[in-house]
Amino acid sequence: MKSKTSLPAAYRLAVTSRALAAVVGGYLMASLAAVCLALWLPTSRADAVITGMMSSFVFYLLAVLWCFACRTAWRAWCGVMLPSALFATLAGVGVWMART
């Protein structure tokens, strides 16, 4: 005899997807934001790297909060991957400009 009803598989999958978006996508977004800040801040290289690394914690926190505040897992993934793509583009441009 079951005492509790189990949660539907779709709900469990949605929560798992949000958790993966928060952990993996948040880490990706935070690291790319740190790289962008290190490349684009108009300070000394050491100060830019320290500022980028310290601010990456804020970006990671915001990504995790975003993933669990969204209505759907799809929106959580989009909300993490779109800024990550923007940061990756800015980092690529920064590296390209440094080489030329």
N, C-alpha and C. Protein backbone atom coordinates (compact mmCIF):
# COMPACT_ATOMS: atom_id res chain seq x y z
N MET A 1 0.83 -1.16 0.00
CA MET A 1 0.00 0.00 0.00
C MET A 1 0.89 1.25 0.00
N LYS A 2 0.65 2.16 -0.96
CA LYS A 2 1.44 3.38 -1.06
C LYS A 2 0.85 4.44 -0.14
N SER A 3 1.73 5.10 0.58
CA SER A 3 1.28 6.15 1.47
C SER A 3 1.33 7.52 0.81
N LYS A 4 2.23 7.69 -0.16
CA LYS A 4 2.36 8.98 -0.85
C LYS A 4 2.32 8.73 -2.35
N THR A 5 1.80 9.68 -3.05
CA THR A 5 1.84 9.59 -4.51
C THR A 5 3.17 10.15 -4.99
N SER A 6 3.73 9.53 -6.01
CA SER A 6 5.00 10.01 -6.54
C SER A 6 4.74 11.11 -7.56
N LEU A 7 5.74 11.92 -7.76
CA LEU A 7 5.63 13.02 -8.71
C LEU A 7 5.71 12.49 -10.13
N PRO A 8 5.05 13.15 -11.07
CA PRO A 8 5.10 12.69 -12.47
C PRO A 8 6.52 12.80 -13.03
N ALA A 9 6.80 11.97 -14.00
CA ALA A 9 8.12 11.96 -14.61
C ALA A 9 8.41 13.26 -15.32
N ALA A 10 7.41 13.90 -15.91
CA ALA A 10 7.62 15.18 -16.61
C ALA A 10 8.07 16.26 -15.63
N TYR A 11 7.51 16.26 -14.45
CA TYR A 11 7.90 17.25 -13.44
C TYR A 11 9.34 17.01 -12.99
N ARG A 12 9.68 15.75 -12.76
CA ARG A 12 11.04 15.42 -12.36
C ARG A 12 12.05 15.79 -13.43
N LEU A 13 11.69 15.54 -14.68
CA LEU A 13 12.57 15.89 -15.79
C LEU A 13 12.74 17.41 -15.89
N ALA A 14 11.68 18.16 -15.68
CA ALA A 14 11.76 19.63 -15.73
C ALA A 14 12.67 20.17 -14.62
N VAL A 15 12.56 19.62 -13.43
CA VAL A 15 13.41 20.06 -12.32
C VAL A 15 14.86 19.68 -12.59
N THR A 16 15.08 18.49 -13.13
CA THR A 16 16.44 18.08 -13.47
C THR A 16 17.03 18.98 -14.54
N SER A 17 16.23 19.34 -15.53
CA SER A 17 16.69 20.22 -16.59
C SER A 17 17.04 21.60 -16.04
N ARG A 18 16.24 22.12 -15.15
CA ARG A 18 16.54 23.42 -14.53
C ARG A 18 17.81 23.35 -13.70
N ALA A 19 17.98 22.25 -12.97
CA ALA A 19 19.19 22.11 -12.16
C ALA A 19 20.43 22.05 -13.05
N LEU A 20 20.34 21.33 -14.16
CA LEU A 20 21.47 21.28 -15.10
C LEU A 20 21.72 22.64 -15.74
N ALA A 21 20.66 23.35 -16.07
CA ALA A 21 20.82 24.69 -16.63
C ALA A 21 21.49 25.60 -15.61
N ALA A 22 21.10 25.48 -14.36
CA ALA A 22 21.69 26.33 -13.32
C ALA A 22 23.16 25.99 -13.10
N VAL A 23 23.48 24.72 -13.00
CA VAL A 23 24.85 24.33 -12.68
C VAL A 23 25.77 24.48 -13.90
N VAL A 24 25.42 23.83 -14.99
CA VAL A 24 26.29 23.82 -16.18
C VAL A 24 26.21 25.16 -16.92
N GLY A 25 24.99 25.60 -17.20
CA GLY A 25 24.83 26.86 -17.92
C GLY A 25 25.31 28.05 -17.11
N GLY A 26 25.05 28.03 -15.82
CA GLY A 26 25.52 29.11 -14.95
C GLY A 26 27.03 29.18 -14.89
N TYR A 27 27.68 28.02 -14.83
CA TYR A 27 29.14 28.00 -14.83
C TYR A 27 29.69 28.53 -16.14
N LEU A 28 29.08 28.11 -17.24
CA LEU A 28 29.51 28.59 -18.56
C LEU A 28 29.35 30.10 -18.67
N MET A 29 28.20 30.60 -18.26
CA MET A 29 27.96 32.03 -18.36
C MET A 29 28.90 32.82 -17.44
N ALA A 30 29.13 32.34 -16.25
CA ALA A 30 30.00 33.05 -15.31
C ALA A 30 31.44 33.07 -15.80
N SER A 31 31.91 31.96 -16.35
CA SER A 31 33.29 31.93 -16.82
C SER A 31 33.47 32.80 -18.06
N LEU A 32 32.49 32.81 -18.96
CA LEU A 32 32.59 33.67 -20.13
C LEU A 32 32.48 35.15 -19.75
N ALA A 33 31.67 35.47 -18.76
CA ALA A 33 31.60 36.85 -18.28
C ALA A 33 32.93 37.29 -17.68
N ALA A 34 33.57 36.39 -16.95
CA ALA A 34 34.88 36.72 -16.36
C ALA A 34 35.92 36.96 -17.45
N VAL A 35 35.88 36.15 -18.49
CA VAL A 35 36.82 36.33 -19.60
C VAL A 35 36.57 37.65 -20.30
N CYS A 36 35.30 37.98 -20.54
CA CYS A 36 34.97 39.25 -21.20
C CYS A 36 35.43 40.44 -20.38
N LEU A 37 35.17 40.40 -19.09
CA LEU A 37 35.61 41.51 -18.25
C LEU A 37 37.13 41.61 -18.21
N ALA A 38 37.81 40.49 -18.17
CA ALA A 38 39.27 40.51 -18.16
C ALA A 38 39.82 41.09 -19.46
N LEU A 39 39.14 40.85 -20.56
CA LEU A 39 39.61 41.36 -21.85
C LEU A 39 39.22 42.82 -22.09
N TRP A 40 38.07 43.24 -21.62
CA TRP A 40 37.53 44.53 -22.01
C TRP A 40 37.67 45.64 -20.98
N LEU A 41 37.96 45.33 -19.73
CA LEU A 41 38.09 46.41 -18.75
C LEU A 41 39.35 47.24 -19.02
N PRO A 42 39.22 48.57 -18.93
CA PRO A 42 40.36 49.43 -19.26
C PRO A 42 41.28 49.68 -18.06
N THR A 43 41.65 48.63 -17.37
CA THR A 43 42.56 48.73 -16.24
C THR A 43 43.78 47.86 -16.53
N SER A 44 44.66 47.74 -15.56
CA SER A 44 45.80 46.84 -15.75
C SER A 44 45.30 45.41 -15.87
N ARG A 45 46.10 44.57 -16.45
CA ARG A 45 45.68 43.18 -16.69
C ARG A 45 45.33 42.46 -15.39
N ALA A 46 46.14 42.66 -14.37
CA ALA A 46 45.89 42.00 -13.08
C ALA A 46 44.58 42.47 -12.46
N ASP A 47 44.33 43.77 -12.50
CA ASP A 47 43.08 44.29 -11.94
C ASP A 47 41.87 43.80 -12.73
N ALA A 48 42.00 43.73 -14.05
CA ALA A 48 40.89 43.27 -14.88
C ALA A 48 40.59 41.80 -14.60
N VAL A 49 41.60 40.99 -14.43
CA VAL A 49 41.39 39.57 -14.15
C VAL A 49 40.75 39.37 -12.78
N ILE A 50 41.23 40.08 -11.79
CA ILE A 50 40.65 39.96 -10.44
C ILE A 50 39.20 40.43 -10.44
N THR A 51 38.93 41.54 -11.11
CA THR A 51 37.56 42.05 -11.18
C THR A 51 36.65 41.06 -11.90
N GLY A 52 37.14 40.49 -13.00
CA GLY A 52 36.36 39.50 -13.74
C GLY A 52 36.07 38.26 -12.91
N MET A 53 37.07 37.78 -12.21
CA MET A 53 36.88 36.57 -11.40
C MET A 53 35.93 36.83 -10.22
N MET A 54 36.07 37.98 -9.59
CA MET A 54 35.18 38.28 -8.46
C MET A 54 33.74 38.49 -8.92
N SER A 55 33.57 39.12 -10.07
CA SER A 55 32.20 39.35 -10.54
C SER A 55 31.57 38.09 -11.12
N SER A 56 32.37 37.08 -11.43
CA SER A 56 31.80 35.83 -11.95
C SER A 56 30.89 35.16 -10.92
N PHE A 57 31.16 35.37 -9.64
CA PHE A 57 30.29 34.81 -8.61
C PHE A 57 28.89 35.44 -8.67
N VAL A 58 28.83 36.72 -8.97
CA VAL A 58 27.54 37.39 -9.10
C VAL A 58 26.80 36.86 -10.33
N PHE A 59 27.50 36.69 -11.45
CA PHE A 59 26.87 36.16 -12.65
C PHE A 59 26.35 34.73 -12.42
N TYR A 60 27.11 33.93 -11.69
CA TYR A 60 26.67 32.56 -11.40
C TYR A 60 25.42 32.57 -10.52
N LEU A 61 25.42 33.43 -9.51
CA LEU A 61 24.25 33.55 -8.64
C LEU A 61 23.03 33.98 -9.44
N LEU A 62 23.18 34.96 -10.31
CA LEU A 62 22.06 35.42 -11.11
C LEU A 62 21.54 34.32 -12.04
N ALA A 63 22.45 33.53 -12.60
CA ALA A 63 22.02 32.44 -13.48
C ALA A 63 21.22 31.39 -12.71
N VAL A 64 21.66 31.04 -11.51
CA VAL A 64 20.94 30.05 -10.71
C VAL A 64 19.57 30.59 -10.31
N LEU A 65 19.52 31.83 -9.89
CA LEU A 65 18.23 32.43 -9.54
C LEU A 65 17.30 32.48 -10.74
N TRP A 66 17.84 32.81 -11.89
CA TRP A 66 17.03 32.88 -13.11
C TRP A 66 16.45 31.50 -13.45
N CYS A 67 17.27 30.47 -13.36
CA CYS A 67 16.82 29.14 -13.76
C CYS A 67 15.66 28.63 -12.92
N PHE A 68 15.62 28.97 -11.67
CA PHE A 68 14.54 28.48 -10.83
C PHE A 68 13.40 29.49 -10.68
N ALA A 69 13.54 30.67 -11.26
CA ALA A 69 12.46 31.64 -11.24
C ALA A 69 11.60 31.57 -12.51
N CYS A 70 12.10 30.94 -13.54
CA CYS A 70 11.37 30.86 -14.81
C CYS A 70 10.20 29.89 -14.70
N ARG A 71 9.23 30.09 -15.59
CA ARG A 71 8.07 29.19 -15.61
C ARG A 71 8.39 27.85 -16.24
N THR A 72 9.25 27.85 -17.24
CA THR A 72 9.56 26.60 -17.94
C THR A 72 11.07 26.37 -17.97
N ALA A 73 11.43 25.12 -18.15
CA ALA A 73 12.85 24.78 -18.27
C ALA A 73 13.42 25.34 -19.57
N TRP A 74 12.60 25.39 -20.62
CA TRP A 74 13.05 25.94 -21.90
C TRP A 74 13.47 27.40 -21.74
N ARG A 75 12.70 28.18 -21.02
CA ARG A 75 13.03 29.59 -20.80
C ARG A 75 14.27 29.71 -19.93
N ALA A 76 14.46 28.80 -19.00
CA ALA A 76 15.66 28.82 -18.16
C ALA A 76 16.91 28.60 -19.01
N TRP A 77 16.84 27.60 -19.90
CA TRP A 77 17.99 27.34 -20.78
C TRP A 77 18.26 28.52 -21.70
N CYS A 78 17.21 29.09 -22.27
CA CYS A 78 17.40 30.24 -23.17
C CYS A 78 17.97 31.44 -22.42
N GLY A 79 17.51 31.64 -21.20
CA GLY A 79 17.99 32.76 -20.41
C GLY A 79 19.42 32.64 -19.96
N VAL A 80 19.97 31.44 -20.02
CA VAL A 80 21.38 31.24 -19.67
C VAL A 80 22.25 31.17 -20.93
N MET A 81 21.74 30.54 -21.97
CA MET A 81 22.55 30.34 -23.17
C MET A 81 22.66 31.60 -24.04
N LEU A 82 21.63 32.43 -24.09
CA LEU A 82 21.73 33.64 -24.90
C LEU A 82 22.79 34.62 -24.36
N PRO A 83 22.82 34.90 -23.06
CA PRO A 83 23.93 35.73 -22.57
C PRO A 83 25.29 35.06 -22.73
N SER A 84 25.33 33.73 -22.61
CA SER A 84 26.59 33.02 -22.81
C SER A 84 27.09 33.19 -24.23
N ALA A 85 26.17 33.13 -25.20
CA ALA A 85 26.56 33.34 -26.60
C ALA A 85 27.05 34.76 -26.81
N LEU A 86 26.41 35.72 -26.17
CA LEU A 86 26.86 37.11 -26.27
C LEU A 86 28.24 37.28 -25.67
N PHE A 87 28.46 36.71 -24.49
CA PHE A 87 29.78 36.80 -23.85
C PHE A 87 30.85 36.09 -24.69
N ALA A 88 30.50 34.96 -25.29
CA ALA A 88 31.46 34.25 -26.13
C ALA A 88 31.82 35.08 -27.36
N THR A 89 30.84 35.75 -27.94
CA THR A 89 31.11 36.62 -29.09
C THR A 89 32.01 37.78 -28.69
N LEU A 90 31.70 38.41 -27.57
CA LEU A 90 32.53 39.52 -27.11
C LEU A 90 33.95 39.07 -26.77
N ALA A 91 34.08 37.89 -26.19
CA ALA A 91 35.42 37.36 -25.89
C ALA A 91 36.18 37.06 -27.17
N GLY A 92 35.50 36.50 -28.15
CA GLY A 92 36.15 36.23 -29.44
C GLY A 92 36.61 37.50 -30.13
N VAL A 93 35.78 38.52 -30.10
CA VAL A 93 36.17 39.81 -30.68
C VAL A 93 37.35 40.41 -29.92
N GLY A 94 37.32 40.31 -28.60
CA GLY A 94 38.43 40.83 -27.80
C GLY A 94 39.74 40.13 -28.08
N VAL A 95 39.70 38.82 -28.23
CA VAL A 95 40.91 38.06 -28.55
C VAL A 95 41.38 38.41 -29.96
N TRP A 96 40.45 38.52 -30.89
CA TRP A 96 40.81 38.86 -32.27
C TRP A 96 41.43 40.25 -32.36
N MET A 97 40.87 41.20 -31.61
CA MET A 97 41.43 42.56 -31.63
C MET A 97 42.79 42.62 -30.96
N ALA A 98 43.04 41.78 -29.97
CA ALA A 98 44.34 41.77 -29.30
C ALA A 98 45.43 41.21 -30.20
N ARG A 99 45.05 40.32 -31.12
CA ARG A 99 46.04 39.72 -32.02
C ARG A 99 46.39 40.62 -33.18
N THR A 100 45.49 41.51 -33.56
CA THR A 100 45.76 42.37 -34.72
C THR A 100 46.37 43.68 -34.33
